[in-house]
Amino acid sequence: MAQLVITYWRDIPSMVEVKQGRREKAKRMLPERFQEAIDRAAMRAGASDTDSYLAQWRKAPPVSCGDDLESEADRICAEIDAAYDDEKLRQLVAASGEADPAG
């Protein structure tokens, strides 16, 4: 079974990676608007130097998914793109990239 891993800057997704074994993988960057939101949120959070910016990247725990790596990567990217409309990304930027800034 393949494993899906999503890479985030704080709580803003950036990339989808589907792996099976050590060598087989499919990677997809999310649309440019996600990277733009990450950049705006990082500036808002004061993460202007490289170390503070890089320290906020994380990978979600792997989740099992289907074995067609390319199709799974495309499917998950489309789902994330649909789930994070422009308003949701604006809210994340306003909260410096955190889904729950209080918590």
N, C-alpha and C. Protein backbone atom coordinates (compact mmCIF):
# COMPACT_ATOMS: atom_id res chain seq x y z
N MET A 1 0.85 -1.18 0.00
CA MET A 1 0.00 0.00 0.00
C MET A 1 0.89 1.24 0.00
N ALA A 2 0.50 2.22 -0.78
CA ALA A 2 1.25 3.47 -0.87
C ALA A 2 0.94 4.36 0.35
N GLN A 3 1.83 5.31 0.58
CA GLN A 3 1.69 6.24 1.70
C GLN A 3 1.64 7.68 1.17
N LEU A 4 0.69 8.43 1.68
CA LEU A 4 0.51 9.83 1.33
C LEU A 4 1.10 10.69 2.44
N VAL A 5 1.90 11.71 2.07
CA VAL A 5 2.45 12.66 3.03
C VAL A 5 2.22 14.07 2.47
N ILE A 6 1.65 14.93 3.30
CA ILE A 6 1.43 16.32 2.92
C ILE A 6 2.42 17.18 3.70
N THR A 7 3.08 18.09 2.99
CA THR A 7 4.02 19.02 3.61
C THR A 7 3.32 20.36 3.82
N TYR A 8 3.52 20.92 5.01
CA TYR A 8 2.87 22.18 5.40
C TYR A 8 3.91 23.20 5.85
N TRP A 9 3.59 24.47 5.66
CA TRP A 9 4.26 25.55 6.39
C TRP A 9 3.23 25.98 7.43
N ARG A 10 3.54 25.75 8.69
CA ARG A 10 2.57 25.87 9.77
C ARG A 10 1.35 25.04 9.37
N ASP A 11 0.19 25.67 9.12
CA ASP A 11 -1.00 24.89 8.76
C ASP A 11 -1.45 25.11 7.32
N ILE A 12 -0.56 25.65 6.50
CA ILE A 12 -0.88 25.87 5.08
C ILE A 12 -0.20 24.77 4.27
N PRO A 13 -0.98 23.94 3.56
CA PRO A 13 -0.36 22.87 2.77
C PRO A 13 0.43 23.43 1.59
N SER A 14 1.47 22.70 1.21
CA SER A 14 2.33 23.15 0.12
C SER A 14 2.56 22.07 -0.93
N MET A 15 2.72 20.82 -0.48
CA MET A 15 3.10 19.76 -1.39
C MET A 15 2.47 18.43 -0.97
N VAL A 16 2.19 17.61 -1.97
CA VAL A 16 1.67 16.26 -1.76
C VAL A 16 2.71 15.29 -2.31
N GLU A 17 3.01 14.27 -1.52
CA GLU A 17 3.95 13.24 -1.96
C GLU A 17 3.32 11.88 -1.66
N VAL A 18 3.31 11.03 -2.69
CA VAL A 18 2.80 9.67 -2.53
C VAL A 18 3.97 8.73 -2.81
N LYS A 19 4.25 7.85 -1.84
CA LYS A 19 5.41 6.97 -1.95
C LYS A 19 4.99 5.51 -1.80
N GLN A 20 5.75 4.67 -2.48
CA GLN A 20 5.62 3.24 -2.28
C GLN A 20 7.03 2.68 -2.31
N GLY A 21 7.46 2.17 -1.19
CA GLY A 21 8.84 1.70 -1.09
C GLY A 21 9.81 2.88 -1.04
N ARG A 22 11.05 2.61 -1.37
CA ARG A 22 12.08 3.65 -1.28
C ARG A 22 12.19 4.48 -2.55
N ARG A 23 11.85 3.92 -3.69
CA ARG A 23 12.14 4.60 -4.95
C ARG A 23 10.93 5.13 -5.68
N GLU A 24 9.81 4.50 -5.52
CA GLU A 24 8.62 4.92 -6.27
C GLU A 24 7.94 6.07 -5.55
N LYS A 25 7.75 7.19 -6.26
CA LYS A 25 7.03 8.30 -5.65
C LYS A 25 6.49 9.24 -6.71
N ALA A 26 5.46 9.96 -6.31
CA ALA A 26 4.87 11.02 -7.14
C ALA A 26 4.74 12.24 -6.25
N LYS A 27 5.26 13.37 -6.72
CA LYS A 27 5.19 14.62 -5.96
C LYS A 27 4.39 15.64 -6.75
N ARG A 28 3.61 16.42 -6.03
CA ARG A 28 2.86 17.51 -6.64
C ARG A 28 2.94 18.73 -5.74
N MET A 29 3.35 19.84 -6.31
CA MET A 29 3.25 21.12 -5.61
C MET A 29 1.81 21.60 -5.77
N LEU A 30 1.27 22.20 -4.74
CA LEU A 30 -0.07 22.77 -4.84
C LEU A 30 0.02 24.04 -5.69
N PRO A 31 -1.12 24.55 -6.17
CA PRO A 31 -1.09 25.75 -7.01
C PRO A 31 -0.34 26.91 -6.35
N GLU A 32 0.14 27.82 -7.16
CA GLU A 32 0.98 28.94 -6.73
C GLU A 32 0.34 29.75 -5.61
N ARG A 33 -0.99 29.81 -5.57
CA ARG A 33 -1.65 30.62 -4.53
C ARG A 33 -1.33 30.11 -3.12
N PHE A 34 -1.01 28.83 -2.99
CA PHE A 34 -0.62 28.29 -1.69
C PHE A 34 0.75 28.84 -1.27
N GLN A 35 1.71 28.84 -2.20
CA GLN A 35 3.03 29.38 -1.87
C GLN A 35 2.95 30.88 -1.59
N GLU A 36 2.11 31.58 -2.34
CA GLU A 36 1.93 33.01 -2.08
C GLU A 36 1.36 33.24 -0.68
N ALA A 37 0.41 32.40 -0.28
CA ALA A 37 -0.17 32.51 1.07
C ALA A 37 0.89 32.21 2.13
N ILE A 38 1.72 31.21 1.88
CA ILE A 38 2.79 30.88 2.82
C ILE A 38 3.74 32.06 2.97
N ASP A 39 4.12 32.66 1.87
CA ASP A 39 5.03 33.81 1.92
C ASP A 39 4.42 34.97 2.70
N ARG A 40 3.15 35.26 2.46
CA ARG A 40 2.48 36.36 3.17
C ARG A 40 2.36 36.04 4.66
N ALA A 41 2.01 34.79 4.98
CA ALA A 41 1.87 34.39 6.39
C ALA A 41 3.22 34.45 7.10
N ALA A 42 4.28 34.04 6.41
CA ALA A 42 5.62 34.08 7.01
C ALA A 42 6.03 35.51 7.33
N MET A 43 5.74 36.42 6.43
CA MET A 43 6.08 37.83 6.68
C MET A 43 5.26 38.35 7.86
N ARG A 44 3.99 37.99 7.89
CA ARG A 44 3.12 38.43 8.99
C ARG A 44 3.62 37.88 10.33
N ALA A 45 4.13 36.65 10.30
CA ALA A 45 4.62 36.00 11.52
C ALA A 45 6.01 36.49 11.92
N GLY A 46 6.62 37.29 11.06
CA GLY A 46 7.96 37.77 11.35
C GLY A 46 9.05 36.76 11.05
N ALA A 47 8.72 35.76 10.26
CA ALA A 47 9.70 34.73 9.89
C ALA A 47 10.46 35.19 8.65
N SER A 48 11.17 36.28 8.78
CA SER A 48 11.84 36.87 7.62
C SER A 48 13.23 36.30 7.37
N ASP A 49 13.86 35.72 8.38
CA ASP A 49 15.16 35.10 8.14
C ASP A 49 14.98 33.63 7.82
N THR A 50 15.96 33.07 7.16
CA THR A 50 15.87 31.70 6.66
C THR A 50 15.59 30.68 7.76
N ASP A 51 16.28 30.77 8.87
CA ASP A 51 16.12 29.78 9.94
C ASP A 51 14.71 29.77 10.50
N SER A 52 14.15 30.94 10.77
CA SER A 52 12.80 30.97 11.35
C SER A 52 11.77 30.51 10.33
N TYR A 53 12.01 30.78 9.05
CA TYR A 53 11.10 30.33 7.99
C TYR A 53 11.16 28.80 7.86
N LEU A 54 12.36 28.27 7.78
CA LEU A 54 12.52 26.82 7.60
C LEU A 54 12.04 26.03 8.81
N ALA A 55 12.13 26.60 9.98
CA ALA A 55 11.73 25.89 11.20
C ALA A 55 10.24 25.59 11.25
N GLN A 56 9.46 26.28 10.45
CA GLN A 56 8.00 26.12 10.49
C GLN A 56 7.47 25.05 9.53
N TRP A 57 8.33 24.46 8.72
CA TRP A 57 7.89 23.41 7.80
C TRP A 57 7.72 22.10 8.56
N ARG A 58 6.69 21.35 8.17
CA ARG A 58 6.46 20.04 8.79
C ARG A 58 5.79 19.11 7.79
N LYS A 59 5.93 17.84 8.04
CA LYS A 59 5.24 16.83 7.24
C LYS A 59 4.21 16.16 8.12
N ALA A 60 3.02 15.97 7.57
CA ALA A 60 1.97 15.25 8.28
C ALA A 60 2.36 13.78 8.36
N PRO A 61 1.85 13.07 9.35
CA PRO A 61 2.12 11.63 9.42
C PRO A 61 1.61 10.94 8.15
N PRO A 62 2.31 9.91 7.68
CA PRO A 62 1.88 9.20 6.48
C PRO A 62 0.50 8.56 6.66
N VAL A 63 -0.26 8.56 5.57
CA VAL A 63 -1.58 7.96 5.54
C VAL A 63 -1.62 6.99 4.36
N SER A 64 -2.19 5.82 4.55
CA SER A 64 -2.30 4.86 3.46
C SER A 64 -3.22 5.38 2.38
N CYS A 65 -2.87 5.07 1.13
CA CYS A 65 -3.71 5.47 0.00
C CYS A 65 -3.58 4.41 -1.09
N GLY A 66 -4.25 4.64 -2.20
CA GLY A 66 -4.22 3.70 -3.31
C GLY A 66 -2.83 3.56 -3.92
N ASP A 67 -2.64 2.52 -4.71
CA ASP A 67 -1.32 2.20 -5.24
C ASP A 67 -0.97 2.90 -6.55
N ASP A 68 -1.92 3.57 -7.20
CA ASP A 68 -1.62 4.34 -8.41
C ASP A 68 -1.09 5.70 -7.97
N LEU A 69 0.22 5.81 -7.84
CA LEU A 69 0.85 6.97 -7.23
C LEU A 69 0.49 8.28 -7.92
N GLU A 70 0.56 8.30 -9.23
CA GLU A 70 0.26 9.53 -9.98
C GLU A 70 -1.19 9.96 -9.78
N SER A 71 -2.11 9.00 -9.88
CA SER A 71 -3.53 9.32 -9.71
C SER A 71 -3.84 9.79 -8.30
N GLU A 72 -3.24 9.14 -7.32
CA GLU A 72 -3.46 9.53 -5.93
C GLU A 72 -2.93 10.94 -5.67
N ALA A 73 -1.75 11.24 -6.18
CA ALA A 73 -1.18 12.58 -6.00
C ALA A 73 -2.09 13.63 -6.63
N ASP A 74 -2.56 13.36 -7.85
CA ASP A 74 -3.47 14.30 -8.52
C ASP A 74 -4.77 14.47 -7.75
N ARG A 75 -5.31 13.35 -7.27
CA ARG A 75 -6.59 13.39 -6.55
C ARG A 75 -6.48 14.20 -5.26
N ILE A 76 -5.44 13.94 -4.49
CA ILE A 76 -5.28 14.65 -3.22
C ILE A 76 -5.03 16.14 -3.46
N CYS A 77 -4.24 16.46 -4.46
CA CYS A 77 -4.01 17.88 -4.78
C CYS A 77 -5.33 18.57 -5.12
N ALA A 78 -6.15 17.92 -5.92
CA ALA A 78 -7.45 18.50 -6.29
C ALA A 78 -8.33 18.67 -5.06
N GLU A 79 -8.33 17.71 -4.16
CA GLU A 79 -9.13 17.81 -2.94
C GLU A 79 -8.66 18.97 -2.06
N ILE A 80 -7.37 19.10 -1.90
CA ILE A 80 -6.84 20.20 -1.08
C ILE A 80 -7.14 21.54 -1.73
N ASP A 81 -6.95 21.63 -3.03
CA ASP A 81 -7.22 22.87 -3.75
C ASP A 81 -8.68 23.28 -3.58
N ALA A 82 -9.59 22.32 -3.62
CA ALA A 82 -11.02 22.62 -3.44
C ALA A 82 -11.33 22.99 -1.99
N ALA A 83 -10.66 22.36 -1.04
CA ALA A 83 -10.95 22.60 0.38
C ALA A 83 -10.41 23.95 0.87
N TYR A 84 -9.36 24.44 0.24
CA TYR A 84 -8.73 25.70 0.64
C TYR A 84 -9.05 26.77 -0.39
N ASP A 85 -10.24 27.35 -0.29
CA ASP A 85 -10.59 28.43 -1.20
C ASP A 85 -9.81 29.69 -0.81
N ASP A 86 -9.95 30.73 -1.61
CA ASP A 86 -9.19 31.96 -1.35
C ASP A 86 -9.48 32.54 0.03
N GLU A 87 -10.72 32.44 0.46
CA GLU A 87 -11.09 32.99 1.78
C GLU A 87 -10.39 32.21 2.90
N LYS A 88 -10.35 30.89 2.79
CA LYS A 88 -9.67 30.10 3.83
C LYS A 88 -8.18 30.44 3.88
N LEU A 89 -7.57 30.60 2.71
CA LEU A 89 -6.15 30.98 2.70
C LEU A 89 -5.95 32.37 3.29
N ARG A 90 -6.86 33.31 3.00
CA ARG A 90 -6.77 34.65 3.60
C ARG A 90 -6.83 34.58 5.12
N GLN A 91 -7.72 33.73 5.63
CA GLN A 91 -7.85 33.57 7.09
C GLN A 91 -6.56 33.00 7.69
N LEU A 92 -5.97 32.03 7.02
CA LEU A 92 -4.71 31.46 7.50
C LEU A 92 -3.59 32.50 7.47
N VAL A 93 -3.54 33.30 6.42
CA VAL A 93 -2.53 34.36 6.35
C VAL A 93 -2.73 35.34 7.50
N ALA A 94 -3.98 35.73 7.74
CA ALA A 94 -4.27 36.69 8.83
C ALA A 94 -3.86 36.13 10.18
N ALA A 95 -3.88 34.80 10.33
CA ALA A 95 -3.49 34.15 11.58
C ALA A 95 -2.04 33.66 11.53
N SER A 96 -1.24 34.26 10.65
CA SER A 96 0.19 33.91 10.52
C SER A 96 0.40 32.45 10.18
N GLY A 97 -0.54 31.87 9.45
CA GLY A 97 -0.39 30.49 8.99
C GLY A 97 -0.92 29.43 9.93
N GLU A 98 -1.51 29.84 11.03
CA GLU A 98 -2.00 28.87 12.01
C GLU A 98 -3.52 28.74 11.93
N ALA A 99 -3.99 27.49 11.86
CA ALA A 99 -5.43 27.24 11.78
C ALA A 99 -6.12 27.62 13.08
N ASP A 100 -5.43 27.41 14.20
CA ASP A 100 -5.99 27.76 15.51
C ASP A 100 -4.95 28.57 16.27
N PRO A 101 -4.87 29.88 15.99
CA PRO A 101 -3.81 30.68 16.61
C PRO A 101 -3.88 30.73 18.13
N ALA A 102 -5.04 30.44 18.71
CA ALA A 102 -5.17 30.46 20.17
C ALA A 102 -4.60 29.20 20.80
N GLY A 103 -4.45 28.16 19.96
CA GLY A 103 -4.18 26.97 20.58
C GLY A 103 -3.12 26.07 20.52
